[in-house]
């Protein structure tokens, strides 16, 4: 399965972005799906996850601002990011099961 992440870019503090991850094959509703991010010089961290029919978890730093979702019909995984902060800057990676996307860069300017 190949994953193609998109939607990153440069945004001002307080802005919004929507990341998408397109899968080359069907995403089963039972697949575990995730978004991670890696800031420069930092370890990769889990931002959001969705398991099964809708058990969702968020990192404390993004809770209330980010929303993970998926479309089985469109084979896509999304991450809506609102009220972005400079500390949200990093490369964002999608993961479905054992497969990883290549990452999309998000830069939030102050």
PDB file of N, CA and C in Angstrom:
ATOM      1  N   UNK A   1       0.848  -1.177   0.000  1.00  0.00           N
ATOM      2  CA  UNK A   1       0.000   0.000   0.000  1.00  0.00           C
ATOM      3  C   UNK A   1       0.893   1.240   0.000  1.00  0.00           C
ATOM      4  N   UNK A   2       0.603   2.155  -0.903  1.00  0.00           N
ATOM      5  CA  UNK A   2       1.342   3.421  -0.932  1.00  0.00           C
ATOM      6  C   UNK A   2       0.457   4.532  -0.408  1.00  0.00           C
ATOM      7  N   UNK A   3       1.061   5.414   0.370  1.00  0.00           N
ATOM      8  CA  UNK A   3       0.330   6.526   0.950  1.00  0.00           C
ATOM      9  C   UNK A   3       0.942   7.832   0.462  1.00  0.00           C
ATOM     10  N   UNK A   4       0.095   8.729   0.017  1.00  0.00           N
ATOM     11  CA  UNK A   4       0.544  10.020  -0.482  1.00  0.00           C
ATOM     12  C   UNK A   4      -0.054  11.118   0.375  1.00  0.00           C
ATOM     13  N   UNK A   5       0.796  11.784   1.148  1.00  0.00           N
ATOM     14  CA  UNK A   5       0.327  12.866   2.014  1.00  0.00           C
ATOM     15  C   UNK A   5       0.422  14.195   1.281  1.00  0.00           C
ATOM     16  N   UNK A   6      -0.515  15.077   1.565  1.00  0.00           N
ATOM     17  CA  UNK A   6      -0.523  16.399   0.948  1.00  0.00           C
ATOM     18  C   UNK A   6      -1.231  17.382   1.867  1.00  0.00           C
ATOM     19  N   UNK A   7      -1.150  18.654   1.500  1.00  0.00           N
ATOM     20  CA  UNK A   7      -1.882  19.672   2.237  1.00  0.00           C
ATOM     21  C   UNK A   7      -1.028  20.545   3.135  1.00  0.00           C
ATOM     22  N   UNK A   8       0.247  20.215   3.262  1.00  0.00           N
ATOM     23  CA  UNK A   8       1.120  21.040   4.080  1.00  0.00           C
ATOM     24  C   UNK A   8       1.401  22.370   3.421  1.00  0.00           C
ATOM     25  N   UNK A   9       2.003  23.260   4.190  1.00  0.00           N
ATOM     26  CA  UNK A   9       2.335  24.566   3.647  1.00  0.00           C
ATOM     27  C   UNK A   9       2.702  25.529   4.748  1.00  0.00           C
ATOM     28  N   UNK A  10       2.781  26.789   4.377  1.00  0.00           N
ATOM     29  CA  UNK A  10       3.114  27.855   5.320  1.00  0.00           C
ATOM     30  C   UNK A  10       1.837  28.578   5.722  1.00  0.00           C
ATOM     31  N   UNK A  11       1.633  28.731   7.017  1.00  0.00           N
ATOM     32  CA  UNK A  11       0.439  29.388   7.523  1.00  0.00           C
ATOM     33  C   UNK A  11       0.827  30.237   8.720  1.00  0.00           C
ATOM     34  N   UNK A  12       0.057  31.282   8.955  1.00  0.00           N
ATOM     35  CA  UNK A  12       0.331  32.144  10.104  1.00  0.00           C
ATOM     36  C   UNK A  12      -0.231  31.560  11.381  1.00  0.00           C
ATOM     37  N   UNK A  13       0.325  32.000  12.464  1.00  0.00           N
ATOM     38  CA  UNK A  13      -0.163  31.640  13.798  1.00  0.00           C
ATOM     39  C   UNK A  13      -1.672  31.863  13.859  1.00  0.00           C
ATOM     40  N   UNK A  14      -2.409  30.834  14.291  1.00  0.00           N
ATOM     41  CA  UNK A  14      -3.862  30.926  14.371  1.00  0.00           C
ATOM     42  C   UNK A  14      -4.588  30.433  13.136  1.00  0.00           C
ATOM     43  N   UNK A  15      -3.845  30.116  12.101  1.00  0.00           N
ATOM     44  CA  UNK A  15      -4.445  29.663  10.858  1.00  0.00           C
ATOM     45  C   UNK A  15      -4.825  28.189  10.885  1.00  0.00           C
ATOM     46  N   UNK A  16      -5.300  27.726   9.734  1.00  0.00           N
ATOM     47  CA  UNK A  16      -5.756  26.342   9.609  1.00  0.00           C
ATOM     48  C   UNK A  16      -5.160  25.691   8.366  1.00  0.00           C
ATOM     49  N   UNK A  17      -5.010  24.392   8.453  1.00  0.00           N
ATOM     50  CA  UNK A  17      -4.625  23.575   7.310  1.00  0.00           C
ATOM     51  C   UNK A  17      -5.356  22.240   7.418  1.00  0.00           C
ATOM     52  N   UNK A  18      -5.557  21.644   6.265  1.00  0.00           N
ATOM     53  CA  UNK A  18      -6.143  20.300   6.239  1.00  0.00           C
ATOM     54  C   UNK A  18      -5.184  19.389   5.481  1.00  0.00           C
ATOM     55  N   UNK A  19      -4.672  18.393   6.180  1.00  0.00           N
ATOM     56  CA  UNK A  19      -3.791  17.422   5.567  1.00  0.00           C
ATOM     57  C   UNK A  19      -4.614  16.238   5.077  1.00  0.00           C
ATOM     58  N   UNK A  20      -4.190  15.688   3.959  1.00  0.00           N
ATOM     59  CA  UNK A  20      -4.843  14.510   3.413  1.00  0.00           C
ATOM     60  C   UNK A  20      -3.800  13.431   3.137  1.00  0.00           C
ATOM     61  N   UNK A  21      -4.247  12.209   3.198  1.00  0.00           N
ATOM     62  CA  UNK A  21      -3.379  11.062   2.929  1.00  0.00           C
ATOM     63  C   UNK A  21      -4.174  10.097   2.065  1.00  0.00           C
ATOM     64  N   UNK A  22      -3.758   9.950   0.839  1.00  0.00           N
ATOM     65  CA  UNK A  22      -4.463   9.082  -0.102  1.00  0.00           C
ATOM     66  C   UNK A  22      -3.779   7.723  -0.161  1.00  0.00           C
ATOM     67  N   UNK A  23      -4.569   6.701  -0.015  1.00  0.00           N
ATOM     68  CA  UNK A  23      -4.047   5.333  -0.042  1.00  0.00           C
ATOM     69  C   UNK A  23      -4.269   4.702  -1.415  1.00  0.00           C
ATOM     70  N   UNK A  24      -3.323   3.892  -1.828  1.00  0.00           N
ATOM     71  CA  UNK A  24      -3.428   3.260  -3.149  1.00  0.00           C
ATOM     72  C   UNK A  24      -4.391   2.080  -3.149  1.00  0.00           C
ATOM     73  N   UNK A  25      -4.735   1.618  -1.937  1.00  0.00           N
ATOM     74  CA  UNK A  25      -5.680   0.520  -1.825  1.00  0.00           C
ATOM     75  C   UNK A  25      -6.732   0.864  -0.786  1.00  0.00           C
ATOM     76  N   UNK A  26      -7.762   0.070  -0.774  1.00  0.00           N
ATOM     77  CA  UNK A  26      -8.883   0.321   0.120  1.00  0.00           C
ATOM     78  C   UNK A  26      -8.446   0.308   1.580  1.00  0.00           C
ATOM     79  N   UNK A  27      -8.952   1.283   2.312  1.00  0.00           N
ATOM     80  CA  UNK A  27      -8.703   1.336   3.754  1.00  0.00           C
ATOM     81  C   UNK A  27      -9.876   0.689   4.446  1.00  0.00           C
ATOM     82  N   UNK A  28      -9.614  -0.411   5.109  1.00  0.00           N
ATOM     83  CA  UNK A  28     -10.681  -1.059   5.856  1.00  0.00           C
ATOM     84  C   UNK A  28     -11.000  -0.243   7.101  1.00  0.00           C
ATOM     85  N   UNK A  29     -12.250  -0.313   7.506  1.00  0.00           N
ATOM     86  CA  UNK A  29     -12.659   0.402   8.708  1.00  0.00           C
ATOM     87  C   UNK A  29     -11.937  -0.151   9.932  1.00  0.00           C
ATOM     88  N   UNK A  30     -11.390  -1.356   9.822  1.00  0.00           N
ATOM     89  CA  UNK A  30     -10.678  -1.948  10.955  1.00  0.00           C
ATOM     90  C   UNK A  30      -9.208  -1.537  11.004  1.00  0.00           C
ATOM     91  N   UNK A  31      -8.740  -0.906   9.927  1.00  0.00           N
ATOM     92  CA  UNK A  31      -7.341  -0.465   9.942  1.00  0.00           C
ATOM     93  C   UNK A  31      -7.124   0.607  10.999  1.00  0.00           C
ATOM     94  N   UNK A  32      -5.999   0.505  11.660  1.00  0.00           N
ATOM     95  CA  UNK A  32      -5.588   1.562  12.565  1.00  0.00           C
ATOM     96  C   UNK A  32      -4.905   2.656  11.740  1.00  0.00           C
ATOM     97  N   UNK A  33      -5.318   3.887  11.964  1.00  0.00           N
ATOM     98  CA  UNK A  33      -4.756   4.996  11.198  1.00  0.00           C
ATOM     99  C   UNK A  33      -4.209   6.045  12.155  1.00  0.00           C
ATOM    100  N   UNK A  34      -3.143   6.705  11.705  1.00  0.00           N
ATOM    101  CA  UNK A  34      -2.417   7.608  12.584  1.00  0.00           C
ATOM    102  C   UNK A  34      -1.876   8.810  11.801  1.00  0.00           C
ATOM    103  N   UNK A  35      -1.682   9.892  12.535  1.00  0.00           N
ATOM    104  CA  UNK A  35      -0.881  11.024  12.073  1.00  0.00           C
ATOM    105  C   UNK A  35       0.223  11.259  13.102  1.00  0.00           C
ATOM    106  N   UNK A  36       1.437  11.408  12.598  1.00  0.00           N
ATOM    107  CA  UNK A  36       2.594  11.721  13.421  1.00  0.00           C
ATOM    108  C   UNK A  36       3.177  13.033  12.916  1.00  0.00           C
ATOM    109  N   UNK A  37       4.032  13.611  13.718  1.00  0.00           N
ATOM    110  CA  UNK A  37       4.789  14.757  13.236  1.00  0.00           C
ATOM    111  C   UNK A  37       6.192  14.708  13.829  1.00  0.00           C
ATOM    112  N   UNK A  38       7.092  15.361  13.108  1.00  0.00           N
ATOM    113  CA  UNK A  38       8.478  15.431  13.567  1.00  0.00           C
ATOM    114  C   UNK A  38       8.980  16.847  13.365  1.00  0.00           C
ATOM    115  N   UNK A  39       9.239  17.523  14.464  1.00  0.00           N
ATOM    116  CA  UNK A  39       9.792  18.865  14.412  1.00  0.00           C
ATOM    117  C   UNK A  39      11.297  18.776  14.189  1.00  0.00           C
ATOM    118  N   UNK A  40      11.893  19.814  13.638  1.00  0.00           N
ATOM    119  CA  UNK A  40      13.340  19.801  13.421  1.00  0.00           C
ATOM    120  C   UNK A  40      14.104  19.508  14.710  1.00  0.00           C
ATOM    121  N   UNK A  41      14.967  18.509  14.650  1.00  0.00           N
ATOM    122  CA  UNK A  41      15.784  18.171  15.802  1.00  0.00           C
ATOM    123  C   UNK A  41      15.075  17.388  16.889  1.00  0.00           C
ATOM    124  N   UNK A  42      13.830  17.010  16.612  1.00  0.00           N
ATOM    125  CA  UNK A  42      13.052  16.297  17.612  1.00  0.00           C
ATOM    126  C   UNK A  42      12.697  14.893  17.132  1.00  0.00           C
ATOM    127  N   UNK A  43      12.265  14.065  18.072  1.00  0.00           N
ATOM    128  CA  UNK A  43      11.782  12.736  17.712  1.00  0.00           C
ATOM    129  C   UNK A  43      10.392  12.833  17.096  1.00  0.00           C
ATOM    130  N   UNK A  44      10.052  11.831  16.333  1.00  0.00           N
ATOM    131  CA  UNK A  44       8.700  11.770  15.780  1.00  0.00           C
ATOM    132  C   UNK A  44       7.717  11.496  16.910  1.00  0.00           C
ATOM    133  N   UNK A  45       6.596  12.204  16.898  1.00  0.00           N
ATOM    134  CA  UNK A  45       5.593  12.023  17.954  1.00  0.00           C
ATOM    135  C   UNK A  45       4.232  11.736  17.337  1.00  0.00           C
ATOM    136  N   UNK A  46       3.439  10.975  18.076  1.00  0.00           N
ATOM    137  CA  UNK A  46       2.085  10.650  17.644  1.00  0.00           C
ATOM    138  C   UNK A  46       1.186  11.841  17.923  1.00  0.00           C
ATOM    139  N   UNK A  47       0.464  12.271  16.912  1.00  0.00           N
ATOM    140  CA  UNK A  47      -0.429  13.422  17.042  1.00  0.00           C
ATOM    141  C   UNK A  47      -1.865  12.974  17.225  1.00  0.00           C
ATOM    142  N   UNK A  48      -2.296  12.001  16.422  1.00  0.00           N
ATOM    143  CA  UNK A  48      -3.684  11.555  16.473  1.00  0.00           C
ATOM    144  C   UNK A  48      -3.774  10.139  15.956  1.00  0.00           C
ATOM    145  N   UNK A  49      -4.744   9.406  16.461  1.00  0.00           N
ATOM    146  CA  UNK A  49      -4.953   8.040  16.011  1.00  0.00           C
ATOM    147  C   UNK A  49      -6.427   7.719  16.017  1.00  0.00           C
ATOM    148  N   UNK A  50      -6.780   6.799  15.134  1.00  0.00           N
ATOM    149  CA  UNK A  50      -8.158   6.315  15.070  1.00  0.00           C
ATOM    150  C   UNK A  50      -8.076   4.811  14.901  1.00  0.00           C
ATOM    151  N   UNK A  51      -8.775   4.111  15.780  1.00  0.00           N
ATOM    152  CA  UNK A  51      -8.715   2.651  15.789  1.00  0.00           C
ATOM    153  C   UNK A  51     -10.128   2.116  15.663  1.00  0.00           C
ATOM    154  N   UNK A  52     -10.295   1.168  14.759  1.00  0.00           N
ATOM    155  CA  UNK A  52     -11.592   0.551  14.590  1.00  0.00           C
ATOM    156  C   UNK A  52     -12.641   1.537  14.127  1.00  0.00           C
ATOM    157  N   UNK A  53     -13.828   1.426  14.703  1.00  0.00           N
ATOM    158  CA  UNK A  53     -14.937   2.242  14.252  1.00  0.00           C
ATOM    159  C   UNK A  53     -14.935   3.672  14.712  1.00  0.00           C
ATOM    160  N   UNK A  54     -13.986   4.046  15.546  1.00  0.00           N
ATOM    161  CA  UNK A  54     -13.977   5.448  15.917  1.00  0.00           C
ATOM    162  C   UNK A  54     -13.326   5.783  17.231  1.00  0.00           C
ATOM    163  N   UNK A  55     -12.564   4.894  17.783  1.00  0.00           N
ATOM    164  CA  UNK A  55     -11.825   5.223  19.010  1.00  0.00           C
ATOM    165  C   UNK A  55     -10.689   6.149  18.616  1.00  0.00           C
ATOM    166  N   UNK A  56     -10.768   7.363  19.075  1.00  0.00           N
ATOM    167  CA  UNK A  56      -9.836   8.408  18.659  1.00  0.00           C
ATOM    168  C   UNK A  56      -9.068   8.952  19.852  1.00  0.00           C
ATOM    169  N   UNK A  57      -7.786   9.159  19.632  1.00  0.00           N
ATOM    170  CA  UNK A  57      -6.949   9.776  20.651  1.00  0.00           C
ATOM    171  C   UNK A  57      -6.127  10.897  20.027  1.00  0.00           C
ATOM    172  N   UNK A  58      -5.845  11.895  20.831  1.00  0.00           N
ATOM    173  CA  UNK A  58      -5.011  13.013  20.397  1.00  0.00           C
ATOM    174  C   UNK A  58      -3.918  13.268  21.421  1.00  0.00           C
ATOM    175  N   UNK A  59      -2.802  13.769  20.931  1.00  0.00           N
ATOM    176  CA  UNK A  59      -1.798  14.271  21.846  1.00  0.00           C
ATOM    177  C   UNK A  59      -2.383  15.452  22.608  1.00  0.00           C
ATOM    178  N   UNK A  60      -1.973  15.599  23.847  1.00  0.00           N
ATOM    179  CA  UNK A  60      -2.527  16.663  24.684  1.00  0.00           C
ATOM    180  C   UNK A  60      -2.305  18.042  24.048  1.00  0.00           C
ATOM    181  N   UNK A  61      -1.207  18.179  23.328  1.00  0.00           N
ATOM    182  CA  UNK A  61      -0.856  19.476  22.764  1.00  0.00           C
ATOM    183  C   UNK A  61      -1.758  19.900  21.607  1.00  0.00           C
ATOM    184  N   UNK A  62      -2.500  18.955  21.035  1.00  0.00           N
ATOM    185  CA  UNK A  62      -3.345  19.296  19.885  1.00  0.00           C
ATOM    186  C   UNK A  62      -4.825  19.073  20.157  1.00  0.00           C
ATOM    187  N   UNK A  63      -5.153  18.512  21.287  1.00  0.00           N
ATOM    188  CA  UNK A  63      -6.548  18.195  21.608  1.00  0.00           C
ATOM    189  C   UNK A  63      -7.396  19.468  21.579  1.00  0.00           C
ATOM    190  N   UNK A  64      -8.529  19.368  20.892  1.00  0.00           N
ATOM    191  CA  UNK A  64      -9.405  20.519  20.767  1.00  0.00           C
ATOM    192  C   UNK A  64      -9.109  21.387  19.557  1.00  0.00           C
ATOM    193  N   UNK A  65      -7.963  21.143  18.923  1.00  0.00           N
ATOM    194  CA  UNK A  65      -7.588  21.935  17.744  1.00  0.00           C
ATOM    195  C   UNK A  65      -7.496  21.085  16.478  1.00  0.00           C
ATOM    196  N   UNK A  66      -7.122  19.834  16.630  1.00  0.00           N
ATOM    197  CA  UNK A  66      -6.951  18.941  15.486  1.00  0.00           C
ATOM    198  C   UNK A  66      -8.068  17.903  15.471  1.00  0.00           C
ATOM    199  N   UNK A  67      -8.440  17.480  14.270  1.00  0.00           N
ATOM    200  CA  UNK A  67      -9.461  16.448  14.113  1.00  0.00           C
ATOM    201  C   UNK A  67      -9.013  15.452  13.053  1.00  0.00           C
ATOM    202  N   UNK A  68      -8.945  14.199  13.447  1.00  0.00           N
ATOM    203  CA  UNK A  68      -8.598  13.134  12.511  1.00  0.00           C
ATOM    204  C   UNK A  68      -9.882  12.529  11.953  1.00  0.00           C
ATOM    205  N   UNK A  69      -9.850  12.192  10.685  1.00  0.00           N
ATOM    206  CA  UNK A  69     -11.018  11.556  10.075  1.00  0.00           C
ATOM    207  C   UNK A  69     -10.552  10.690   8.911  1.00  0.00           C
ATOM    208  N   UNK A  70     -11.443   9.855   8.447  1.00  0.00           N
ATOM    209  CA  UNK A  70     -11.091   9.029   7.290  1.00  0.00           C
ATOM    210  C   UNK A  70     -12.328   8.775   6.460  1.00  0.00           C
ATOM    211  N   UNK A  71     -12.096   8.507   5.195  1.00  0.00           N
ATOM    212  CA  UNK A  71     -13.159   8.163   4.285  1.00  0.00           C
ATOM    213  C   UNK A  71     -12.830   6.813   3.672  1.00  0.00           C
ATOM    214  N   UNK A  72     -13.610   5.817   4.029  1.00  0.00           N
ATOM    215  CA  UNK A  72     -13.404   4.495   3.454  1.00  0.00           C
ATOM    216  C   UNK A  72     -13.733   4.515   1.962  1.00  0.00           C
ATOM    217  N   UNK A  73     -14.761   5.260   1.597  1.00  0.00           N
ATOM    218  CA  UNK A  73     -15.172   5.323   0.197  1.00  0.00           C
ATOM    219  C   UNK A  73     -14.089   5.948  -0.684  1.00  0.00           C
ATOM    220  N   UNK A  74     -13.371   6.945  -0.134  1.00  0.00           N
ATOM    221  CA  UNK A  74     -12.367   7.653  -0.922  1.00  0.00           C
ATOM    222  C   UNK A  74     -10.946   7.184  -0.627  1.00  0.00           C
ATOM    223  N   UNK A  75     -10.811   6.232   0.292  1.00  0.00           N
ATOM    224  CA  UNK A  75      -9.475   5.742   0.671  1.00  0.00           C
ATOM    225  C   UNK A  75      -8.561   6.855   1.120  1.00  0.00           C
ATOM    226  N   UNK A  76      -9.092   7.738   1.937  1.00  0.00           N
ATOM    227  CA  UNK A  76      -8.272   8.851   2.411  1.00  0.00           C
ATOM    228  C   UNK A  76      -8.347   8.986   3.925  1.00  0.00           C
ATOM    229  N   UNK A  77      -7.291   9.532   4.448  1.00  0.00           N
ATOM    230  CA  UNK A  77      -7.177   9.864   5.861  1.00  0.00           C
ATOM    231  C   UNK A  77      -6.908  11.363   5.914  1.00  0.00           C
ATOM    232  N   UNK A  78      -7.528  12.053   6.837  1.00  0.00           N
ATOM    233  CA  UNK A  78      -7.357  13.505   6.904  1.00  0.00           C
ATOM    234  C   UNK A  78      -7.020  13.958   8.312  1.00  0.00           C
ATOM    235  N   UNK A  79      -6.430  15.130   8.378  1.00  0.00           N
ATOM    236  CA  UNK A  79      -6.173  15.783   9.664  1.00  0.00           C
ATOM    237  C   UNK A  79      -6.486  17.260   9.504  1.00  0.00           C
ATOM    238  N   UNK A  80      -7.579  17.700  10.111  1.00  0.00           N
ATOM    239  CA  UNK A  80      -7.942  19.104  10.112  1.00  0.00           C
ATOM    240  C   UNK A  80      -7.240  19.773  11.278  1.00  0.00           C
ATOM    241  N   UNK A  81      -6.473  20.805  10.976  1.00  0.00           N
ATOM    242  CA  UNK A  81      -5.686  21.479  12.005  1.00  0.00           C
ATOM    243  C   UNK A  81      -6.116  22.937  12.078  1.00  0.00           C
ATOM    244  N   UNK A  82      -6.672  23.304  13.226  1.00  0.00           N
ATOM    245  CA  UNK A  82      -7.122  24.676  13.449  1.00  0.00           C
ATOM    246  C   UNK A  82      -6.299  25.330  14.548  1.00  0.00           C
ATOM    247  N   UNK A  83      -6.389  26.638  14.624  1.00  0.00           N
ATOM    248  CA  UNK A  83      -5.671  27.392  15.658  1.00  0.00           C
ATOM    249  C   UNK A  83      -4.211  26.979  15.739  1.00  0.00           C
ATOM    250  N   UNK A  84      -3.577  26.917  14.590  1.00  0.00           N
ATOM    251  CA  UNK A  84      -2.195  26.444  14.538  1.00  0.00           C
ATOM    252  C   UNK A  84      -1.250  27.389  15.270  1.00  0.00           C
ATOM    253  N   UNK A  85      -0.231  26.793  15.845  1.00  0.00           N
ATOM    254  CA  UNK A  85       0.764  27.523  16.616  1.00  0.00           C
ATOM    255  C   UNK A  85       2.149  27.255  16.026  1.00  0.00           C
ATOM    256  N   UNK A  86       3.094  28.119  16.262  1.00  0.00           N
ATOM    257  CA  UNK A  86       4.451  27.869  15.742  1.00  0.00           C
ATOM    258  C   UNK A  86       5.017  26.533  16.185  1.00  0.00           C
ATOM    259  N   UNK A  87       4.651  26.089  17.370  1.00  0.00           N
ATOM    260  CA  UNK A  87       5.164  24.795  17.849  1.00  0.00           C
ATOM    261  C   UNK A  87       4.535  23.603  17.134  1.00  0.00           C
ATOM    262  N   UNK A  88       3.568  23.839  16.272  1.00  0.00           N
ATOM    263  CA  UNK A  88       3.007  22.770  15.438  1.00  0.00           C
ATOM    264  C   UNK A  88       3.852  22.542  14.184  1.00  0.00           C
ATOM    265  N   UNK A  89       4.837  23.365  13.983  1.00  0.00           N
ATOM    266  CA  UNK A  89       5.707  23.231  12.808  1.00  0.00           C
ATOM    267  C   UNK A  89       6.413  21.888  12.800  1.00  0.00           C
ATOM    268  N   UNK A  90       6.442  21.261  11.641  1.00  0.00           N
ATOM    269  CA  UNK A  90       7.131  19.994  11.495  1.00  0.00           C
ATOM    270  C   UNK A  90       6.671  19.272  10.245  1.00  0.00           C
ATOM    271  N   UNK A  91       7.258  18.117  10.029  1.00  0.00           N
ATOM    272  CA  UNK A  91       6.815  17.265   8.920  1.00  0.00           C
ATOM    273  C   UNK A  91       5.800  16.278   9.468  1.00  0.00           C
ATOM    274  N   UNK A  92       4.663  16.211   8.813  1.00  0.00           N
ATOM    275  CA  UNK A  92       3.561  15.369   9.262  1.00  0.00           C
ATOM    276  C   UNK A  92       3.485  14.120   8.399  1.00  0.00           C
ATOM    277  N   UNK A  93       3.376  12.995   9.070  1.00  0.00           N
ATOM    278  CA  UNK A  93       3.346  11.692   8.410  1.00  0.00           C
ATOM    279  C   UNK A  93       2.040  10.984   8.716  1.00  0.00           C
ATOM    280  N   UNK A  94       1.476  10.377   7.693  1.00  0.00           N
ATOM    281  CA  UNK A  94       0.322   9.518   7.904  1.00  0.00           C
ATOM    282  C   UNK A  94       0.794   8.069   7.962  1.00  0.00           C
ATOM    283  N   UNK A  95       0.034   7.302   8.664  1.00  0.00           N
ATOM    284  CA  UNK A  95       0.342   5.875   8.782  1.00  0.00           C
ATOM    285  C   UNK A  95      -0.978   5.120   8.803  1.00  0.00           C
ATOM    286  N   UNK A  96      -1.051   4.072   8.014  1.00  0.00           N
ATOM    287  CA  UNK A  96      -2.211   3.181   8.013  1.00  0.00           C
ATOM    288  C   UNK A  96      -1.678   1.777   8.203  1.00  0.00           C
ATOM    289  N   UNK A  97      -2.010   1.198   9.339  1.00  0.00           N
ATOM    290  CA  UNK A  97      -1.457  -0.103   9.664  1.00  0.00           C
ATOM    291  C   UNK A  97       0.060   0.003   9.739  1.00  0.00           C
ATOM    292  N   UNK A  98       0.745  -0.772   8.931  1.00  0.00           N
ATOM    293  CA  UNK A  98       2.203  -0.774   8.936  1.00  0.00           C
ATOM    294  C   UNK A  98       2.801   0.145   7.876  1.00  0.00           C
ATOM    295  N   UNK A  99       1.954   0.822   7.126  1.00  0.00           N
ATOM    296  CA  UNK A  99       2.429   1.611   5.998  1.00  0.00           C
ATOM    297  C   UNK A  99       2.517   3.103   6.353  1.00  0.00           C
ATOM    298  N   UNK A 100       3.558   3.733   5.853  1.00  0.00           N
ATOM    299  CA  UNK A 100       3.815   5.145   6.136  1.00  0.00           C
ATOM    300  C   UNK A 100       3.804   5.966   4.843  1.00  0.00           C
ATOM    301  N   UNK A 101       3.288   7.178   4.971  1.00  0.00           N
ATOM    302  CA  UNK A 101       3.419   8.134   3.890  1.00  0.00           C
ATOM    303  C   UNK A 101       4.759   8.839   3.975  1.00  0.00           C
ATOM    304  N   UNK A 102       5.043   9.663   2.976  1.00  0.00           N
ATOM    305  CA  UNK A 102       6.355  10.301   2.896  1.00  0.00           C
ATOM    306  C   UNK A 102       6.451  11.593   3.707  1.00  0.00           C
ATOM    307  N   UNK A 103       5.339  12.066   4.182  1.00  0.00           N
ATOM    308  CA  UNK A 103       5.359  13.278   4.998  1.00  0.00           C
ATOM    309  C   UNK A 103       5.060  14.524   4.204  1.00  0.00           C
ATOM    310  N   UNK A 104       4.448  15.480   4.873  1.00  0.00           N
ATOM    311  CA  UNK A 104       4.171  16.779   4.274  1.00  0.00           C
ATOM    312  C   UNK A 104       4.545  17.845   5.297  1.00  0.00           C
ATOM    313  N   UNK A 105       5.213  18.897   4.842  1.00  0.00           N
ATOM    314  CA  UNK A 105       5.776  19.885   5.742  1.00  0.00           C
ATOM    315  C   UNK A 105       4.768  20.967   6.092  1.00  0.00           C
ATOM    316  N   UNK A 106       4.646  21.219   7.381  1.00  0.00           N
ATOM    317  CA  UNK A 106       3.800  22.286   7.896  1.00  0.00           C
ATOM    318  C   UNK A 106       4.689  23.297   8.609  1.00  0.00           C
ATOM    319  N   UNK A 107       4.560  24.545   8.226  1.00  0.00           N
ATOM    320  CA  UNK A 107       5.313  25.612   8.864  1.00  0.00           C
ATOM    321  C   UNK A 107       4.344  26.682   9.345  1.00  0.00           C
ATOM    322  N   UNK A 108       4.381  26.966  10.631  1.00  0.00           N
ATOM    323  CA  UNK A 108       3.505  27.973  11.209  1.00  0.00           C
ATOM    324  C   UNK A 108       4.374  29.145  11.650  1.00  0.00           C
ATOM    325  N   UNK A 109       4.120  30.297  11.060  1.00  0.00           N
ATOM    326  CA  UNK A 109       4.915  31.476  11.376  1.00  0.00           C
ATOM    327  C   UNK A 109       4.262  32.294  12.481  1.00  0.00           C
ATOM    328  N   UNK A 110       5.088  32.899  13.292  1.00  0.00           N
ATOM    329  CA  UNK A 110       4.564  33.699  14.409  1.00  0.00           C
ATOM    330  C   UNK A 110       4.351  35.142  13.995  1.00  0.00           C
TER     331      UNK A 110
END
